[in-house]
């Protein structure tokens, strides 16, 4: 009986170790992309604090950094993968996430909003809102970051 308990404990430890290794291996490319993007952004503007980083995959891949500059102002940095041109905007110069969602709610009645995130397409900074409609279909709604105007919709996927 003791052998079985020791075997089960070792088996659980090995499985937990494998799961931890898989997790860190999957997170590593994103962390590397974040480090590279922050280094590129710091060449144009000093980022004192990174609050969020994500990779937007639209027409092209764009690294998006949300953070603060040396003056403590909230900034957003977009870095398209192909051009590596850096676009910087103060958050106060565009609409907020809540305002983008309100724009969607004025036109649509989503069953559930899955995610709201910043992105860029054709050098236009935007909010991408991913939601499910009443019939449980996937929808995307794009709002211009600076003006709050609707850019495009992808519906009923």
N, C-alpha and C. Protein backbone atom coordinates (compact mmCIF):
# COMPACT_ATOMS: atom_id res chain seq x y z
N UNK A 1 0.82 -1.20 0.00
CA UNK A 1 0.00 0.00 0.00
C UNK A 1 0.86 1.26 0.00
N UNK A 2 1.96 1.23 0.78
CA UNK A 2 2.86 2.39 0.84
C UNK A 2 3.45 2.71 -0.53
N UNK A 3 3.78 1.66 -1.28
CA UNK A 3 4.37 1.85 -2.60
C UNK A 3 3.39 2.60 -3.52
N UNK A 4 2.11 2.25 -3.43
CA UNK A 4 1.10 2.92 -4.27
C UNK A 4 0.97 4.39 -3.91
N UNK A 5 1.00 4.70 -2.64
CA UNK A 5 0.90 6.10 -2.21
C UNK A 5 2.11 6.88 -2.69
N UNK A 6 3.30 6.33 -2.54
CA UNK A 6 4.52 6.99 -3.00
C UNK A 6 4.46 7.17 -4.52
N UNK A 7 4.03 6.13 -5.23
CA UNK A 7 3.91 6.21 -6.68
C UNK A 7 2.93 7.30 -7.10
N UNK A 8 1.77 7.36 -6.47
CA UNK A 8 0.77 8.37 -6.81
C UNK A 8 1.28 9.79 -6.52
N UNK A 9 1.95 9.97 -5.39
CA UNK A 9 2.50 11.28 -5.05
C UNK A 9 3.54 11.69 -6.08
N UNK A 10 4.45 10.80 -6.45
CA UNK A 10 5.46 11.11 -7.48
C UNK A 10 4.81 11.40 -8.83
N UNK A 11 3.78 10.61 -9.16
CA UNK A 11 3.07 10.82 -10.42
C UNK A 11 2.43 12.21 -10.46
N UNK A 12 1.77 12.61 -9.39
CA UNK A 12 1.14 13.94 -9.31
C UNK A 12 2.20 15.03 -9.42
N UNK A 13 3.34 14.87 -8.75
CA UNK A 13 4.41 15.86 -8.80
C UNK A 13 4.95 15.99 -10.22
N UNK A 14 5.13 14.87 -10.92
CA UNK A 14 5.62 14.90 -12.30
C UNK A 14 4.61 15.61 -13.20
N UNK A 15 3.34 15.30 -13.06
CA UNK A 15 2.30 15.94 -13.88
C UNK A 15 2.27 17.44 -13.62
N UNK A 16 2.34 17.85 -12.37
CA UNK A 16 2.35 19.28 -12.04
C UNK A 16 3.58 19.95 -12.65
N UNK A 17 4.72 19.30 -12.57
CA UNK A 17 5.94 19.84 -13.17
C UNK A 17 5.81 20.02 -14.68
N UNK A 18 5.22 19.03 -15.34
CA UNK A 18 5.02 19.12 -16.80
C UNK A 18 4.08 20.27 -17.13
N UNK A 19 3.00 20.42 -16.38
CA UNK A 19 2.05 21.50 -16.63
C UNK A 19 2.70 22.87 -16.43
N UNK A 20 3.52 23.01 -15.41
CA UNK A 20 4.23 24.28 -15.17
C UNK A 20 5.18 24.57 -16.33
N UNK A 21 5.90 23.56 -16.81
CA UNK A 21 6.82 23.73 -17.94
C UNK A 21 6.07 24.16 -19.20
N UNK A 22 4.93 23.54 -19.47
CA UNK A 22 4.12 23.89 -20.64
C UNK A 22 3.63 25.32 -20.54
N UNK A 23 3.17 25.72 -19.36
CA UNK A 23 2.69 27.09 -19.16
C UNK A 23 3.78 28.10 -19.44
N UNK A 24 4.94 27.93 -18.84
CA UNK A 24 6.02 28.90 -19.03
C UNK A 24 6.53 28.91 -20.47
N UNK A 25 6.50 27.76 -21.13
CA UNK A 25 6.91 27.70 -22.53
C UNK A 25 5.93 28.45 -23.43
N UNK A 26 4.64 28.40 -23.08
CA UNK A 26 3.64 29.08 -23.90
C UNK A 26 3.63 30.59 -23.68
N UNK A 27 4.01 31.05 -22.49
CA UNK A 27 4.02 32.47 -22.17
C UNK A 27 5.30 33.16 -22.67
N UNK A 28 6.34 32.40 -22.86
CA UNK A 28 7.65 32.95 -23.22
C UNK A 28 7.65 33.81 -24.49
N UNK A 29 7.01 33.39 -25.60
CA UNK A 29 7.01 34.24 -26.81
C UNK A 29 6.34 35.60 -26.60
N UNK A 30 5.27 35.62 -25.81
CA UNK A 30 4.57 36.88 -25.54
C UNK A 30 5.46 37.80 -24.69
N UNK A 31 6.11 37.24 -23.71
CA UNK A 31 7.02 38.03 -22.87
C UNK A 31 8.18 38.58 -23.70
N UNK A 32 8.70 37.78 -24.63
CA UNK A 32 9.78 38.24 -25.50
C UNK A 32 9.30 39.37 -26.41
N UNK A 33 8.09 39.23 -26.95
CA UNK A 33 7.52 40.28 -27.80
C UNK A 33 7.30 41.56 -27.01
N UNK A 34 6.85 41.43 -25.76
CA UNK A 34 6.64 42.60 -24.91
C UNK A 34 7.96 43.31 -24.64
N UNK A 35 8.98 42.56 -24.31
CA UNK A 35 10.29 43.15 -24.02
C UNK A 35 10.83 43.90 -25.24
N UNK A 36 10.70 43.28 -26.41
CA UNK A 36 11.17 43.91 -27.66
C UNK A 36 10.36 45.17 -27.97
N UNK A 37 9.04 45.10 -27.80
CA UNK A 37 8.17 46.25 -28.09
C UNK A 37 8.46 47.41 -27.14
N UNK A 38 8.66 47.12 -25.87
CA UNK A 38 8.96 48.18 -24.89
C UNK A 38 10.30 48.82 -25.21
N UNK A 39 11.28 48.02 -25.62
CA UNK A 39 12.59 48.57 -25.99
C UNK A 39 12.47 49.49 -27.20
N UNK A 40 11.68 49.08 -28.20
CA UNK A 40 11.46 49.94 -29.38
C UNK A 40 10.73 51.22 -28.99
N UNK A 41 9.71 51.10 -28.16
CA UNK A 41 8.94 52.28 -27.76
C UNK A 41 9.79 53.25 -26.95
N UNK A 42 10.67 52.73 -26.13
CA UNK A 42 11.52 53.61 -25.30
C UNK A 42 12.50 54.43 -26.13
N UNK A 43 12.72 54.05 -27.38
CA UNK A 43 13.56 54.87 -28.26
C UNK A 43 12.86 56.16 -28.65
N UNK A 44 11.52 56.13 -28.68
CA UNK A 44 10.75 57.31 -29.07
C UNK A 44 10.21 58.06 -27.86
N UNK A 45 9.74 57.32 -26.87
CA UNK A 45 9.13 57.93 -25.69
C UNK A 45 9.49 57.08 -24.48
N UNK A 46 9.81 57.72 -23.39
CA UNK A 46 10.17 56.98 -22.18
C UNK A 46 8.91 56.47 -21.49
N UNK A 47 8.80 55.17 -21.36
CA UNK A 47 7.69 54.56 -20.65
C UNK A 47 8.16 54.26 -19.24
N UNK A 48 7.51 54.89 -18.27
CA UNK A 48 7.92 54.67 -16.88
C UNK A 48 7.22 53.46 -16.28
N UNK A 49 6.04 53.11 -16.82
CA UNK A 49 5.29 51.98 -16.29
C UNK A 49 4.47 51.34 -17.41
N UNK A 50 4.59 50.03 -17.56
CA UNK A 50 3.77 49.29 -18.52
C UNK A 50 2.60 48.69 -17.74
N UNK A 51 1.39 49.11 -18.11
CA UNK A 51 0.20 48.61 -17.43
C UNK A 51 -0.42 47.42 -18.14
N UNK A 52 -0.30 47.39 -19.47
CA UNK A 52 -0.86 46.28 -20.23
C UNK A 52 -0.09 46.15 -21.54
N UNK A 53 0.02 44.92 -22.00
CA UNK A 53 0.63 44.64 -23.30
C UNK A 53 -0.19 43.52 -23.93
N UNK A 54 -0.51 43.69 -25.21
CA UNK A 54 -1.13 42.60 -25.94
C UNK A 54 -0.77 42.69 -27.41
N UNK A 55 -0.98 41.59 -28.09
CA UNK A 55 -0.69 41.51 -29.52
C UNK A 55 -2.03 41.48 -30.24
N UNK A 56 -2.24 42.46 -31.12
CA UNK A 56 -3.47 42.55 -31.90
C UNK A 56 -3.22 41.90 -33.26
N UNK A 57 -4.05 40.96 -33.64
CA UNK A 57 -3.93 40.30 -34.94
C UNK A 57 -5.14 40.66 -35.79
N UNK A 58 -5.00 41.68 -36.61
CA UNK A 58 -6.05 42.10 -37.53
C UNK A 58 -5.54 41.90 -38.94
N UNK A 59 -5.57 42.96 -39.74
CA UNK A 59 -5.00 42.87 -41.08
C UNK A 59 -3.50 42.64 -41.00
N UNK A 60 -2.89 43.15 -39.94
CA UNK A 60 -1.48 42.87 -39.65
C UNK A 60 -1.32 42.77 -38.14
N UNK A 61 -0.21 42.23 -37.73
CA UNK A 61 0.05 42.08 -36.30
C UNK A 61 0.59 43.38 -35.74
N UNK A 62 0.01 43.82 -34.61
CA UNK A 62 0.39 45.07 -33.97
C UNK A 62 0.59 44.82 -32.48
N UNK A 63 1.74 45.25 -31.95
CA UNK A 63 1.97 45.20 -30.50
C UNK A 63 1.40 46.47 -29.89
N UNK A 64 0.62 46.32 -28.84
CA UNK A 64 -0.02 47.46 -28.19
C UNK A 64 0.44 47.51 -26.73
N UNK A 65 0.96 48.68 -26.35
CA UNK A 65 1.42 48.89 -24.99
C UNK A 65 0.58 50.00 -24.38
N UNK A 66 0.03 49.74 -23.20
CA UNK A 66 -0.65 50.78 -22.43
C UNK A 66 0.20 51.02 -21.19
N UNK A 67 0.50 52.28 -20.93
CA UNK A 67 1.34 52.56 -19.78
C UNK A 67 1.34 54.03 -19.43
N UNK A 68 2.39 54.45 -18.74
CA UNK A 68 2.53 55.84 -18.35
C UNK A 68 3.90 56.34 -18.77
N UNK A 69 3.93 57.64 -19.15
CA UNK A 69 5.21 58.25 -19.50
C UNK A 69 5.85 58.84 -18.24
N UNK A 70 6.98 59.52 -18.41
CA UNK A 70 7.71 60.08 -17.27
C UNK A 70 6.91 61.14 -16.51
N UNK A 71 5.95 61.77 -17.19
CA UNK A 71 5.11 62.79 -16.55
C UNK A 71 3.91 62.19 -15.83
N UNK A 72 3.78 60.86 -15.89
CA UNK A 72 2.66 60.19 -15.24
C UNK A 72 1.40 60.16 -16.07
N UNK A 73 1.48 60.61 -17.33
CA UNK A 73 0.32 60.61 -18.20
C UNK A 73 0.12 59.22 -18.80
N UNK A 74 -1.13 58.79 -18.90
CA UNK A 74 -1.41 57.50 -19.50
C UNK A 74 -1.23 57.61 -21.01
N UNK A 75 -0.43 56.70 -21.56
CA UNK A 75 -0.16 56.69 -23.00
C UNK A 75 -0.46 55.32 -23.58
N UNK A 76 -0.66 55.31 -24.90
CA UNK A 76 -0.87 54.07 -25.63
C UNK A 76 0.11 54.08 -26.80
N UNK A 77 0.80 52.97 -27.00
CA UNK A 77 1.79 52.84 -28.06
C UNK A 77 1.38 51.67 -28.95
N UNK A 78 1.32 51.92 -30.25
CA UNK A 78 1.04 50.89 -31.24
C UNK A 78 2.30 50.68 -32.06
N UNK A 79 2.73 49.42 -32.23
CA UNK A 79 3.92 49.11 -33.02
C UNK A 79 3.56 48.00 -34.01
N UNK A 80 3.27 48.35 -35.26
CA UNK A 80 3.00 47.31 -36.27
C UNK A 80 4.25 46.47 -36.51
N UNK A 81 4.09 45.16 -36.61
CA UNK A 81 5.22 44.25 -36.77
C UNK A 81 6.02 44.50 -38.05
N UNK A 82 5.33 44.75 -39.15
CA UNK A 82 6.03 44.89 -40.43
C UNK A 82 6.85 46.17 -40.51
N UNK A 83 6.24 47.29 -40.19
CA UNK A 83 6.92 48.58 -40.38
C UNK A 83 7.78 48.98 -39.19
N UNK A 84 7.43 48.50 -38.01
CA UNK A 84 8.11 48.89 -36.76
C UNK A 84 8.00 50.39 -36.49
N UNK A 85 7.12 51.09 -37.24
CA UNK A 85 6.89 52.50 -36.98
C UNK A 85 6.10 52.60 -35.68
N UNK A 86 6.46 53.54 -34.86
CA UNK A 86 5.87 53.65 -33.54
C UNK A 86 4.84 54.78 -33.52
N UNK A 87 3.62 54.44 -33.12
CA UNK A 87 2.54 55.42 -32.98
C UNK A 87 2.27 55.59 -31.49
N UNK A 88 2.34 56.84 -31.02
CA UNK A 88 2.11 57.12 -29.60
C UNK A 88 0.96 58.10 -29.48
N UNK A 89 0.08 57.84 -28.53
CA UNK A 89 -1.07 58.71 -28.31
C UNK A 89 -1.34 58.77 -26.81
N UNK A 90 -1.63 59.95 -26.32
CA UNK A 90 -2.07 60.05 -24.94
C UNK A 90 -3.47 59.48 -24.87
N UNK A 91 -3.75 58.74 -23.81
CA UNK A 91 -5.06 58.09 -23.67
C UNK A 91 -6.19 59.12 -23.66
N UNK A 92 -5.91 60.30 -23.10
CA UNK A 92 -6.96 61.33 -23.02
C UNK A 92 -7.32 61.91 -24.39
N UNK A 93 -6.48 61.67 -25.41
CA UNK A 93 -6.74 62.17 -26.75
C UNK A 93 -7.66 61.25 -27.56
N UNK A 94 -8.07 60.15 -26.96
CA UNK A 94 -8.98 59.22 -27.63
C UNK A 94 -10.12 58.85 -26.71
N UNK A 95 -10.98 58.00 -27.21
CA UNK A 95 -12.11 57.57 -26.38
C UNK A 95 -11.66 56.42 -25.48
N UNK A 96 -12.35 56.27 -24.37
CA UNK A 96 -12.02 55.20 -23.42
C UNK A 96 -12.70 53.90 -23.85
N UNK A 97 -12.33 52.84 -23.18
CA UNK A 97 -12.95 51.54 -23.42
C UNK A 97 -14.45 51.61 -23.18
N UNK A 98 -14.85 52.27 -22.11
CA UNK A 98 -16.28 52.39 -21.79
C UNK A 98 -17.03 53.17 -22.87
N UNK A 99 -16.42 54.22 -23.40
CA UNK A 99 -17.06 55.00 -24.46
C UNK A 99 -17.21 54.17 -25.73
N UNK A 100 -16.22 53.32 -26.02
CA UNK A 100 -16.31 52.45 -27.19
C UNK A 100 -17.46 51.45 -27.02
N UNK A 101 -17.59 50.90 -25.83
CA UNK A 101 -18.68 49.96 -25.55
C UNK A 101 -20.02 50.67 -25.67
N UNK A 102 -20.12 51.90 -25.18
CA UNK A 102 -21.36 52.66 -25.29
C UNK A 102 -21.75 52.89 -26.75
N UNK A 103 -20.75 53.10 -27.60
CA UNK A 103 -21.01 53.27 -29.04
C UNK A 103 -21.64 52.00 -29.60
N UNK A 104 -21.12 50.84 -29.19
CA UNK A 104 -21.70 49.57 -29.61
C UNK A 104 -23.14 49.44 -29.10
N UNK A 105 -23.36 49.76 -27.84
CA UNK A 105 -24.68 49.59 -27.23
C UNK A 105 -25.72 50.52 -27.83
N UNK A 106 -25.30 51.63 -28.43
CA UNK A 106 -26.24 52.53 -29.09
C UNK A 106 -26.82 51.88 -30.34
N UNK A 107 -26.04 51.00 -30.98
CA UNK A 107 -26.47 50.39 -32.24
C UNK A 107 -26.92 48.95 -32.11
N UNK A 108 -26.33 48.22 -31.19
CA UNK A 108 -26.59 46.78 -31.09
C UNK A 108 -27.01 46.42 -29.67
N UNK A 109 -27.54 45.22 -29.55
CA UNK A 109 -27.93 44.70 -28.25
C UNK A 109 -27.19 43.37 -28.03
N UNK A 110 -25.92 43.43 -27.63
CA UNK A 110 -25.15 42.19 -27.50
C UNK A 110 -25.61 41.34 -26.32
N UNK A 111 -25.57 40.04 -26.52
CA UNK A 111 -25.90 39.12 -25.43
C UNK A 111 -24.78 39.14 -24.40
N UNK A 112 -23.52 39.11 -24.89
CA UNK A 112 -22.37 39.11 -23.99
C UNK A 112 -21.17 39.72 -24.71
N UNK A 113 -20.52 40.69 -24.07
CA UNK A 113 -19.29 41.26 -24.61
C UNK A 113 -18.14 40.40 -24.11
N UNK A 114 -17.41 39.82 -25.03
CA UNK A 114 -16.32 38.89 -24.68
C UNK A 114 -15.05 39.67 -24.36
N UNK A 115 -14.67 40.60 -25.25
CA UNK A 115 -13.45 41.38 -25.00
C UNK A 115 -13.51 42.72 -25.71
N UNK A 116 -12.78 43.66 -25.15
CA UNK A 116 -12.61 44.99 -25.75
C UNK A 116 -11.12 45.27 -25.67
N UNK A 117 -10.51 45.54 -26.83
CA UNK A 117 -9.07 45.80 -26.80
C UNK A 117 -8.66 46.73 -27.92
N UNK A 118 -7.52 47.34 -27.69
CA UNK A 118 -6.96 48.28 -28.66
C UNK A 118 -6.27 47.53 -29.78
N UNK A 119 -6.30 48.11 -30.97
CA UNK A 119 -5.62 47.55 -32.12
C UNK A 119 -5.35 48.64 -33.14
N UNK A 120 -4.91 48.24 -34.31
CA UNK A 120 -4.64 49.19 -35.38
C UNK A 120 -4.78 48.48 -36.72
N UNK A 121 -5.48 49.13 -37.65
CA UNK A 121 -5.58 48.63 -39.01
C UNK A 121 -5.40 49.80 -39.97
N UNK A 122 -4.56 49.60 -40.98
CA UNK A 122 -4.25 50.64 -41.97
C UNK A 122 -3.82 51.94 -41.28
N UNK A 123 -2.99 51.81 -40.26
CA UNK A 123 -2.46 52.94 -39.49
C UNK A 123 -3.53 53.76 -38.77
N UNK A 124 -4.68 53.15 -38.51
CA UNK A 124 -5.76 53.79 -37.78
C UNK A 124 -5.91 53.09 -36.44
N UNK A 125 -5.64 53.80 -35.33
CA UNK A 125 -5.84 53.18 -34.02
C UNK A 125 -7.33 52.98 -33.75
N UNK A 126 -7.66 51.83 -33.17
CA UNK A 126 -9.07 51.50 -32.99
C UNK A 126 -9.29 50.64 -31.74
N UNK A 127 -10.57 50.56 -31.39
CA UNK A 127 -11.04 49.63 -30.36
C UNK A 127 -11.73 48.49 -31.08
N UNK A 128 -11.37 47.26 -30.75
CA UNK A 128 -12.05 46.09 -31.29
C UNK A 128 -12.92 45.52 -30.17
N UNK A 129 -14.22 45.41 -30.45
CA UNK A 129 -15.15 44.84 -29.47
C UNK A 129 -15.64 43.51 -30.02
N UNK A 130 -15.37 42.46 -29.29
CA UNK A 130 -15.74 41.11 -29.68
C UNK A 130 -16.91 40.70 -28.79
N UNK A 131 -18.04 40.37 -29.41
CA UNK A 131 -19.24 40.05 -28.61
C UNK A 131 -20.07 38.95 -29.27
N UNK A 132 -20.98 38.41 -28.48
CA UNK A 132 -21.94 37.41 -28.98
C UNK A 132 -23.31 38.04 -29.04
N UNK A 133 -24.02 37.74 -30.12
CA UNK A 133 -25.38 38.26 -30.30
C UNK A 133 -26.38 37.31 -29.65
N UNK A 134 -27.65 37.70 -29.68
CA UNK A 134 -28.70 36.90 -29.05
C UNK A 134 -28.74 35.47 -29.58
N UNK A 135 -28.47 35.27 -30.85
CA UNK A 135 -28.48 33.92 -31.42
C UNK A 135 -27.13 33.22 -31.24
N UNK A 136 -26.30 33.75 -30.33
CA UNK A 136 -25.00 33.19 -29.93
C UNK A 136 -23.97 33.19 -31.04
N UNK A 137 -24.12 34.08 -32.02
CA UNK A 137 -23.14 34.20 -33.09
C UNK A 137 -22.05 35.20 -32.69
N UNK A 138 -20.86 35.01 -33.26
CA UNK A 138 -19.71 35.87 -32.96
C UNK A 138 -19.79 37.12 -33.83
N UNK A 139 -19.48 38.28 -33.22
CA UNK A 139 -19.50 39.57 -33.92
C UNK A 139 -18.31 40.41 -33.49
N UNK A 140 -17.83 41.23 -34.41
CA UNK A 140 -16.76 42.19 -34.11
C UNK A 140 -17.25 43.58 -34.51
N UNK A 141 -16.95 44.54 -33.67
CA UNK A 141 -17.35 45.92 -33.91
C UNK A 141 -16.11 46.78 -33.70
N UNK A 142 -15.77 47.62 -34.66
CA UNK A 142 -14.55 48.42 -34.61
C UNK A 142 -14.88 49.90 -34.51
N UNK A 143 -14.28 50.57 -33.52
CA UNK A 143 -14.53 51.98 -33.28
C UNK A 143 -13.20 52.74 -33.35
N UNK A 144 -13.20 53.86 -34.08
CA UNK A 144 -12.00 54.70 -34.21
C UNK A 144 -11.60 55.22 -32.83
N UNK A 145 -10.34 55.04 -32.46
CA UNK A 145 -9.86 55.44 -31.14
C UNK A 145 -9.98 56.94 -30.91
N UNK A 146 -9.62 57.74 -31.90
CA UNK A 146 -9.57 59.19 -31.72
C UNK A 146 -10.93 59.86 -31.81
N UNK A 147 -11.76 59.42 -32.75
CA UNK A 147 -13.03 60.12 -33.00
C UNK A 147 -14.24 59.42 -32.38
N UNK A 148 -14.12 58.13 -32.12
CA UNK A 148 -15.27 57.39 -31.61
C UNK A 148 -16.25 56.98 -32.70
N UNK A 149 -15.88 57.20 -33.94
CA UNK A 149 -16.75 56.83 -35.06
C UNK A 149 -16.64 55.35 -35.36
N UNK A 150 -17.74 54.78 -35.84
CA UNK A 150 -17.76 53.39 -36.25
C UNK A 150 -16.88 53.22 -37.48
N UNK A 151 -16.05 52.19 -37.50
CA UNK A 151 -15.18 51.91 -38.65
C UNK A 151 -15.71 50.75 -39.48
N UNK A 152 -15.96 49.63 -38.83
CA UNK A 152 -16.49 48.48 -39.57
C UNK A 152 -17.09 47.48 -38.59
N UNK A 153 -17.89 46.57 -39.16
CA UNK A 153 -18.53 45.49 -38.38
C UNK A 153 -18.28 44.18 -39.11
N UNK A 154 -18.09 43.15 -38.34
CA UNK A 154 -18.08 41.78 -38.87
C UNK A 154 -19.12 41.05 -38.04
N UNK A 155 -20.17 40.60 -38.72
CA UNK A 155 -21.31 40.06 -37.98
C UNK A 155 -21.65 38.62 -38.35
N UNK A 156 -22.24 37.94 -37.39
CA UNK A 156 -22.86 36.63 -37.55
C UNK A 156 -21.90 35.55 -38.05
N UNK A 157 -20.79 35.42 -37.36
CA UNK A 157 -19.84 34.35 -37.71
C UNK A 157 -20.17 33.09 -36.95
